[in-house]
Each structure stands twice: as C-alpha cells, then as structure tokens.
Amino acid sequence: AGLRLEAHFREHALVKGRWRDELVFAALAGEVRCRGPRGDEPAQQASSRVGDLQEPCLTTERLTLRPLASGDWAMFHQLYTDPAVMRHVCETTEAEIEQRFQTRLLSAERPWHCDDGRPLCLTILEQGSGELVGVHGFPRLEWNPARQAEVGFLLLPKFHGKGYGKEALAAVVRFGFASCGFNRLHAVVSAKNTASRALLEKAGFKQEGP
C-alpha cells in the first residue's frame, strides 16, 4: 500500500518485561496504489470531500469493514488476550482492554467524520460466513493542520495467511486518502513483528529511514 519506514524508536512500554523497539511506516497521498474497481490504482487524495463513514461502510472482494458494535466484545477481548496476536504488542490488563473497547464503542455510536478528531475502529467481517476477523482503522488522527492518521490492525490467528490483512489495509488506505483527504498515513509496528512488516512490504510499502 506504499508505506515506508520513516523512523525507528524505543517506546516507553514493555512487552514481556522488555523494552520494545518500534518502526514507523508512512505514506503520502498519491504515492500508494490500492485495489479499486479498475484494478490497482493510485490512492489519490480527495480534492474537496470530507470523508464520513456510515453503513454499509467499506467492502472488498471478501471482506466487510463496519463500525465496532457492542456485540463484538468477545472477538475484541480474544484479540487482546491471544498470545499469538499480542506477542509484539504492549502488555494490557483486563481493565485496559475493557476501557479501550468502551472508548472505541462510544466513538462508533454516531457517524464518523474524519475532521472531528475521533478514532475510527472498524470490525472486519468475512463475507459469506459473517465471522469476525479482527479490527482495523485509525486509532489516532490529527485533522488540522497536518491531516494525518495512524493506521492500526489486529487479526485473529485463524485468519492469518489468507491475505485478509492486505485486503483490509488496501481498503482503509484508499478510504483515508481518496475519501477523507488525509495527507499522510502512518503505522507503528514492533521491530520484531516480521509478520506485520511483511504485510506492509507485500502490499508495496516502501521503507525510509535507518
């Protein structure tokens, strides 16, 4: 999707009792290519529109991404307590998981607009089966003056290796640039998270920095 390594830093958080080195991947509007109705196309920045998200949300060939709902709690909790998912993520308590869910759920109670500063948490569903795959979206964003957002994603292990991560990421990146008009998107990953780094590279991400 065209993100590149922009920075390498050590976050003040622990993973299994150790400091975590992180990498920042970034993409600018017009630099990335995402799959659209006519195949791979540049994810151009919106000229004048302000993005919003309501039902039926984002769809891809195999997935639907819609706002987080109260019924997604079991999947959300499973994500944040699964050792395979959280291996390269900060240690999180039960209270923090519940608070994170409630904060994202509160944000999803009304239609999301990219210029109101609220995070966007989308639940990924597998079309056909309707199974919940994971979460995606913009956990942090800044509209004025930078027009930039952080992209974040977590998928349940049973759906790894199916290409769903790349498919969902392409949809979110396209939405961020083409519908919202962000100038810049970035993702923060653990330096040891080879799976997420490979996902970025397979999607055509370029790397910057050391």
C-alpha atoms as a PDB file:
ATOM      1  CA  ALA A   1       0.000   0.000   0.000  1.00  0.00           C
ATOM      2  CA  GLY A   2       3.026   2.261  -0.261  1.00  0.00           C
ATOM      3  CA  LEU A   3       4.010   2.863   3.377  1.00  0.00           C
ATOM      4  CA  ARG A   4       7.726   3.277   4.042  1.00  0.00           C
ATOM      5  CA  LEU A   5       9.902   3.077   7.117  1.00  0.00           C
ATOM      6  CA  GLU A   6      10.187   6.610   8.470  1.00  0.00           C
ATOM      7  CA  ALA A   7      11.590   6.215  11.975  1.00  0.00           C
ATOM      8  CA  HIS A   8      12.951   3.731  14.488  1.00  0.00           C
ATOM      9  CA  PHE A   9      12.442   4.410  18.179  1.00  0.00           C
ATOM     10  CA  ARG A  10      12.124   2.728  21.552  1.00  0.00           C
ATOM     11  CA  GLU A  11       8.685   3.082  23.075  1.00  0.00           C
ATOM     12  CA  HIS A  12       8.297   3.523  26.820  1.00  0.00           C
ATOM     13  CA  ALA A  13       6.273   0.336  27.129  1.00  0.00           C
ATOM     14  CA  LEU A  14       7.105  -3.229  27.927  1.00  0.00           C
ATOM     15  CA  VAL A  15       6.470  -6.453  26.032  1.00  0.00           C
ATOM     16  CA  LYS A  16       7.043  -9.446  28.274  1.00  0.00           C
ATOM     17  CA  GLY A  17       9.143  -7.332  30.606  1.00  0.00           C
ATOM     18  CA  ARG A  18      11.389  -5.883  27.913  1.00  0.00           C
ATOM     19  CA  TRP A  19      11.574  -2.565  26.096  1.00  0.00           C
ATOM     20  CA  ARG A  20      10.055  -2.606  22.642  1.00  0.00           C
ATOM     21  CA  ASP A  21      11.805  -1.185  19.585  1.00  0.00           C
ATOM     22  CA  GLU A  22       9.315   0.193  17.086  1.00  0.00           C
ATOM     23  CA  LEU A  23       9.328   1.220  13.441  1.00  0.00           C
ATOM     24  CA  VAL A  24       7.157   3.899  11.851  1.00  0.00           C
ATOM     25  CA  PHE A  25       5.960   3.318   8.283  1.00  0.00           C
ATOM     26  CA  ALA A  26       4.442   6.272   6.437  1.00  0.00           C
ATOM     27  CA  ALA A  27       2.722   7.008   3.140  1.00  0.00           C
ATOM     28  CA  LEU A  28       1.831  10.273   1.439  1.00  0.00           C
ATOM     29  CA  ALA A  29      -1.232  10.894  -0.715  1.00  0.00           C
ATOM     30  CA  GLY A  30      -0.661   9.916  -4.340  1.00  0.00           C
ATOM     31  CA  GLU A  31       2.278   7.630  -3.571  1.00  0.00           C
ATOM     32  CA  VAL A  32       0.434   4.377  -2.896  1.00  0.00           C
ATOM     33  CA  ARG A  33      -1.510   2.013  -5.118  1.00  0.00           C
ATOM     34  CA  CYS A  34      -4.608   0.225  -3.829  1.00  0.00           C
ATOM     35  CA  ARG A  35      -7.003  -2.178  -5.469  1.00  0.00           C
ATOM     36  CA  GLY A  36     -10.080  -0.444  -6.762  1.00  0.00           C
ATOM     37  CA  PRO A  37     -12.894  -1.168  -9.231  1.00  0.00           C
ATOM     38  CA  ARG A  38     -10.447  -0.971 -12.140  1.00  0.00           C
ATOM     39  CA  GLY A  39      -7.595  -2.871 -10.512  1.00  0.00           C
ATOM     40  CA  ASP A  40      -4.565  -1.333  -8.810  1.00  0.00           C
ATOM     41  CA  GLU A  41      -4.838   2.446  -8.917  1.00  0.00           C
ATOM     42  CA  PRO A  42      -3.057   5.338  -7.190  1.00  0.00           C
ATOM     43  CA  ALA A  43      -4.792   6.221  -3.925  1.00  0.00           C
ATOM     44  CA  GLN A  44      -5.179   9.888  -4.807  1.00  0.00           C
ATOM     45  CA  GLN A  45      -6.034  12.480  -2.198  1.00  0.00           C
ATOM     46  CA  ALA A  46      -9.606  13.768  -2.206  1.00  0.00           C
ATOM     47  CA  SER A  47      -9.834  17.210  -3.773  1.00  0.00           C
ATOM     48  CA  SER A  48     -12.655  18.661  -1.708  1.00  0.00           C
ATOM     49  CA  ARG A  49     -14.679  15.941   0.011  1.00  0.00           C
ATOM     50  CA  VAL A  50     -14.656  15.316   3.741  1.00  0.00           C
ATOM     51  CA  GLY A  51     -14.827  11.598   4.484  1.00  0.00           C
ATOM     52  CA  ASP A  52     -17.547  10.090   6.593  1.00  0.00           C
ATOM     53  CA  LEU A  53     -18.427   6.517   7.340  1.00  0.00           C
ATOM     54  CA  GLN A  54     -21.897   5.078   7.688  1.00  0.00           C
ATOM     55  CA  GLU A  55     -23.471   1.747   6.783  1.00  0.00           C
ATOM     56  CA  PRO A  56     -22.649  -0.274   4.748  1.00  0.00           C
ATOM     57  CA  CYS A  57     -19.105   1.002   5.335  1.00  0.00           C
ATOM     58  CA  LEU A  58     -16.135  -0.427   3.441  1.00  0.00           C
ATOM     59  CA  THR A  59     -16.278  -3.583   1.338  1.00  0.00           C
ATOM     60  CA  THR A  60     -13.656  -5.593  -0.525  1.00  0.00           C
ATOM     61  CA  GLU A  61     -13.814  -8.758  -2.585  1.00  0.00           C
ATOM     62  CA  ARG A  62     -14.031 -10.963   0.511  1.00  0.00           C
ATOM     63  CA  LEU A  63     -14.476  -8.630   3.486  1.00  0.00           C
ATOM     64  CA  THR A  64     -16.786  -6.049   5.011  1.00  0.00           C
ATOM     65  CA  LEU A  65     -15.458  -3.414   7.414  1.00  0.00           C
ATOM     66  CA  ARG A  66     -18.077  -1.719   9.566  1.00  0.00           C
ATOM     67  CA  PRO A  67     -18.005   0.309  12.809  1.00  0.00           C
ATOM     68  CA  LEU A  68     -17.362  -1.544  16.045  1.00  0.00           C
ATOM     69  CA  ALA A  69     -20.546  -2.767  17.763  1.00  0.00           C
ATOM     70  CA  SER A  70     -21.350  -3.898  21.306  1.00  0.00           C
ATOM     71  CA  GLY A  71     -21.709  -7.486  20.083  1.00  0.00           C
ATOM     72  CA  ASP A  72     -18.037  -7.502  19.029  1.00  0.00           C
ATOM     73  CA  TRP A  73     -16.789  -7.624  22.617  1.00  0.00           C
ATOM     74  CA  ALA A  74     -15.957 -11.350  22.620  1.00  0.00           C
ATOM     75  CA  MET A  75     -13.849 -11.010  19.467  1.00  0.00           C
ATOM     76  CA  PHE A  76     -12.193  -7.824  20.753  1.00  0.00           C
ATOM     77  CA  HIS A  77     -11.319  -9.458  24.065  1.00  0.00           C
ATOM     78  CA  GLN A  78      -9.995 -12.535  22.296  1.00  0.00           C
ATOM     79  CA  LEU A  79      -7.706 -10.360  20.164  1.00  0.00           C
ATOM     80  CA  TYR A  80      -6.202  -8.571  23.143  1.00  0.00           C
ATOM     81  CA  THR A  81      -5.706 -11.731  25.195  1.00  0.00           C
ATOM     82  CA  ASP A  82      -4.403 -14.083  22.484  1.00  0.00           C
ATOM     83  CA  PRO A  83      -0.633 -14.620  22.947  1.00  0.00           C
ATOM     84  CA  ALA A  84      -0.104 -15.019  19.193  1.00  0.00           C
ATOM     85  CA  VAL A  85      -1.757 -11.654  18.490  1.00  0.00           C
ATOM     86  CA  MET A  86      -0.208  -9.764  21.405  1.00  0.00           C
ATOM     87  CA  ARG A  87       3.308 -11.139  21.129  1.00  0.00           C
ATOM     88  CA  HIS A  88       4.633  -7.838  19.772  1.00  0.00           C
ATOM     89  CA  VAL A  89       2.084  -5.533  21.398  1.00  0.00           C
ATOM     90  CA  CYS A  90       2.269  -3.759  24.766  1.00  0.00           C
ATOM     91  CA  GLU A  91       1.154  -5.711  27.804  1.00  0.00           C
ATOM     92  CA  THR A  92      -2.503  -4.912  28.516  1.00  0.00           C
ATOM     93  CA  THR A  93      -4.623  -5.526  31.615  1.00  0.00           C
ATOM     94  CA  GLU A  94      -8.246  -6.652  31.639  1.00  0.00           C
ATOM     95  CA  ALA A  95      -9.303  -3.197  32.776  1.00  0.00           C
ATOM     96  CA  GLU A  96      -7.369  -1.564  29.928  1.00  0.00           C
ATOM     97  CA  ILE A  97      -8.930  -3.902  27.366  1.00  0.00           C
ATOM     98  CA  GLU A  98     -12.432  -3.066  28.571  1.00  0.00           C
ATOM     99  CA  GLN A  99     -11.660   0.661  28.654  1.00  0.00           C
ATOM    100  CA  ARG A 100     -10.230   0.529  25.132  1.00  0.00           C
ATOM    101  CA  PHE A 101     -13.335  -1.256  23.877  1.00  0.00           C
ATOM    102  CA  GLN A 102     -15.728   1.163  25.558  1.00  0.00           C
ATOM    103  CA  THR A 103     -13.829   4.183  24.233  1.00  0.00           C
ATOM    104  CA  ARG A 104     -13.952   2.874  20.674  1.00  0.00           C
ATOM    105  CA  LEU A 105     -17.575   1.818  21.047  1.00  0.00           C
ATOM    106  CA  LEU A 106     -18.542   5.296  22.270  1.00  0.00           C
ATOM    107  CA  SER A 107     -16.847   6.799  19.210  1.00  0.00           C
ATOM    108  CA  ALA A 108     -18.820   4.449  16.953  1.00  0.00           C
ATOM    109  CA  GLU A 109     -22.217   5.452  18.337  1.00  0.00           C
ATOM    110  CA  ARG A 110     -22.593   8.222  15.778  1.00  0.00           C
ATOM    111  CA  PRO A 111     -21.428   8.526  12.148  1.00  0.00           C
ATOM    112  CA  TRP A 112     -17.686   9.088  11.933  1.00  0.00           C
ATOM    113  CA  HIS A 113     -16.223  12.129  10.178  1.00  0.00           C
ATOM    114  CA  CYS A 114     -12.521  12.461   9.523  1.00  0.00           C
ATOM    115  CA  ASP A 115     -12.376  16.085  10.663  1.00  0.00           C
ATOM    116  CA  ASP A 116     -13.894  15.645  14.138  1.00  0.00           C
ATOM    117  CA  GLY A 117     -10.808  14.057  15.693  1.00  0.00           C
ATOM    118  CA  ARG A 118     -12.422  10.813  16.855  1.00  0.00           C
ATOM    119  CA  PRO A 119     -10.613   7.498  16.342  1.00  0.00           C
ATOM    120  CA  LEU A 120     -12.140   5.057  13.876  1.00  0.00           C
ATOM    121  CA  CYS A 121     -12.372   1.379  14.838  1.00  0.00           C
ATOM    122  CA  LEU A 122     -13.759  -0.973  12.210  1.00  0.00           C
ATOM    123  CA  THR A 123     -14.674  -4.606  12.703  1.00  0.00           C
ATOM    124  CA  ILE A 124     -13.589  -6.848   9.832  1.00  0.00           C
ATOM    125  CA  LEU A 125     -16.127  -9.489   8.783  1.00  0.00           C
ATOM    126  CA  GLU A 126     -15.645 -12.357   6.375  1.00  0.00           C
ATOM    127  CA  GLN A 127     -18.283 -12.175   3.678  1.00  0.00           C
ATOM    128  CA  GLY A 128     -20.352 -15.311   3.322  1.00  0.00           C
ATOM    129  CA  SER A 129     -19.605 -16.766   6.748  1.00  0.00           C
ATOM    130  CA  GLY A 130     -20.102 -13.491   8.623  1.00  0.00           C
ATOM    131  CA  GLU A 131     -17.298 -14.454  11.003  1.00  0.00           C
ATOM    132  CA  LEU A 132     -15.472 -11.656  12.803  1.00  0.00           C
ATOM    133  CA  VAL A 133     -11.876 -11.484  11.544  1.00  0.00           C
ATOM    134  CA  GLY A 134     -10.398  -8.653  13.595  1.00  0.00           C
ATOM    135  CA  VAL A 135     -10.240  -4.867  13.810  1.00  0.00           C
ATOM    136  CA  HIS A 136      -8.816  -2.115  11.627  1.00  0.00           C
ATOM    137  CA  GLY A 137      -8.938   1.657  11.415  1.00  0.00           C
ATOM    138  CA  PHE A 138      -7.401   4.906  12.596  1.00  0.00           C
ATOM    139  CA  PRO A 139      -6.633   4.735  16.354  1.00  0.00           C
ATOM    140  CA  ARG A 140      -5.146   8.252  16.276  1.00  0.00           C
ATOM    141  CA  LEU A 141      -5.590  11.131  13.870  1.00  0.00           C
ATOM    142  CA  GLU A 142      -4.926  14.831  13.501  1.00  0.00           C
ATOM    143  CA  TRP A 143      -7.018  16.776  11.020  1.00  0.00           C
ATOM    144  CA  ASN A 144      -5.734  20.328  11.488  1.00  0.00           C
ATOM    145  CA  PRO A 145      -3.239  21.287  10.347  1.00  0.00           C
ATOM    146  CA  ALA A 146      -1.471  18.064   9.325  1.00  0.00           C
ATOM    147  CA  ARG A 147      -4.353  15.916   8.044  1.00  0.00           C
ATOM    148  CA  GLN A 148      -2.668  12.702   9.108  1.00  0.00           C
ATOM    149  CA  ALA A 149      -3.737   9.478  10.803  1.00  0.00           C
ATOM    150  CA  GLU A 150      -2.247   6.330  12.272  1.00  0.00           C
ATOM    151  CA  VAL A 151      -3.389   3.033  10.768  1.00  0.00           C
ATOM    152  CA  GLY A 152      -3.761   0.072  13.124  1.00  0.00           C
ATOM    153  CA  PHE A 153      -4.932  -3.508  12.684  1.00  0.00           C
ATOM    154  CA  LEU A 154      -5.205  -6.824  14.536  1.00  0.00           C
ATOM    155  CA  LEU A 155      -6.482 -10.128  13.084  1.00  0.00           C
ATOM    156  CA  LEU A 156      -7.405 -13.340  14.837  1.00  0.00           C
ATOM    157  CA  PRO A 157      -4.811 -16.109  14.216  1.00  0.00           C
ATOM    158  CA  LYS A 158      -7.275 -18.397  12.412  1.00  0.00           C
ATOM    159  CA  PHE A 159      -7.482 -15.801   9.628  1.00  0.00           C
ATOM    160  CA  HIS A 160      -3.753 -15.289   9.215  1.00  0.00           C
ATOM    161  CA  GLY A 161      -2.264 -16.377   5.907  1.00  0.00           C
ATOM    162  CA  LYS A 162      -5.425 -15.721   3.869  1.00  0.00           C
ATOM    163  CA  GLY A 163      -4.444 -12.317   2.534  1.00  0.00           C
ATOM    164  CA  TYR A 164      -7.156 -10.625   4.589  1.00  0.00           C
ATOM    165  CA  GLY A 165      -4.698  -8.234   6.220  1.00  0.00           C
ATOM    166  CA  LYS A 166      -3.524  -6.888   2.876  1.00  0.00           C
ATOM    167  CA  GLU A 167      -7.083  -6.690   1.543  1.00  0.00           C
ATOM    168  CA  ALA A 168      -8.392  -4.776   4.551  1.00  0.00           C
ATOM    169  CA  LEU A 169      -5.373  -2.478   4.637  1.00  0.00           C
ATOM    170  CA  ALA A 170      -5.826  -1.518   0.985  1.00  0.00           C
ATOM    171  CA  ALA A 171      -9.455  -0.578   1.661  1.00  0.00           C
ATOM    172  CA  VAL A 172      -8.613   1.542   4.700  1.00  0.00           C
ATOM    173  CA  VAL A 173      -5.726   3.303   2.956  1.00  0.00           C
ATOM    174  CA  ARG A 174      -7.908   4.064  -0.061  1.00  0.00           C
ATOM    175  CA  PHE A 175     -10.632   5.430   2.224  1.00  0.00           C
ATOM    176  CA  GLY A 176      -8.093   7.543   4.122  1.00  0.00           C
ATOM    177  CA  PHE A 177      -6.683   9.208   1.025  1.00  0.00           C
ATOM    178  CA  ALA A 178      -9.487   9.161  -1.542  1.00  0.00           C
ATOM    179  CA  SER A 179     -12.491   9.811   0.715  1.00  0.00           C
ATOM    180  CA  CYS A 180     -11.047  11.568   3.762  1.00  0.00           C
ATOM    181  CA  GLY A 181      -8.321  13.609   2.098  1.00  0.00           C
ATOM    182  CA  PHE A 182      -5.547  12.776   4.548  1.00  0.00           C
ATOM    183  CA  ASN A 183      -2.108  13.992   3.508  1.00  0.00           C
ATOM    184  CA  ARG A 184      -0.268  11.279   5.390  1.00  0.00           C
ATOM    185  CA  LEU A 185      -0.974   7.869   6.911  1.00  0.00           C
ATOM    186  CA  HIS A 186       1.437   6.013   9.166  1.00  0.00           C
ATOM    187  CA  ALA A 187       1.636   2.717  11.026  1.00  0.00           C
ATOM    188  CA  VAL A 188       3.706   1.825  14.092  1.00  0.00           C
ATOM    189  CA  VAL A 189       4.939  -1.761  14.413  1.00  0.00           C
ATOM    190  CA  SER A 190       7.370  -3.587  16.636  1.00  0.00           C
ATOM    191  CA  ALA A 191      10.764  -4.046  15.004  1.00  0.00           C
ATOM    192  CA  LYS A 192      10.444  -7.777  15.747  1.00  0.00           C
ATOM    193  CA  ASN A 193       6.968  -8.070  14.237  1.00  0.00           C
ATOM    194  CA  THR A 194       8.110  -9.624  10.974  1.00  0.00           C
ATOM    195  CA  ALA A 195       4.555 -10.594  10.002  1.00  0.00           C
ATOM    196  CA  SER A 196       3.257  -7.017  10.030  1.00  0.00           C
ATOM    197  CA  ARG A 197       6.399  -5.735   8.354  1.00  0.00           C
ATOM    198  CA  ALA A 198       5.994  -8.361   5.642  1.00  0.00           C
ATOM    199  CA  LEU A 199       2.344  -7.361   5.235  1.00  0.00           C
ATOM    200  CA  LEU A 200       3.401  -3.789   4.546  1.00  0.00           C
ATOM    201  CA  GLU A 201       6.102  -4.886   2.106  1.00  0.00           C
ATOM    202  CA  LYS A 202       3.827  -7.317   0.241  1.00  0.00           C
ATOM    203  CA  ALA A 203       1.315  -4.522  -0.169  1.00  0.00           C
ATOM    204  CA  GLY A 204       4.006  -2.459  -1.914  1.00  0.00           C
ATOM    205  CA  PHE A 205       5.173  -0.379   1.064  1.00  0.00           C
ATOM    206  CA  LYS A 206       8.482   1.412   0.636  1.00  0.00           C
ATOM    207  CA  GLN A 207      10.856   1.928   3.536  1.00  0.00           C
ATOM    208  CA  GLU A 208      12.516   5.126   4.681  1.00  0.00           C
ATOM    209  CA  GLY A 209      14.996   5.924   7.392  1.00  0.00           C
ATOM    210  CA  PRO A 210      17.730   3.856   9.047  1.00  0.00           C
END
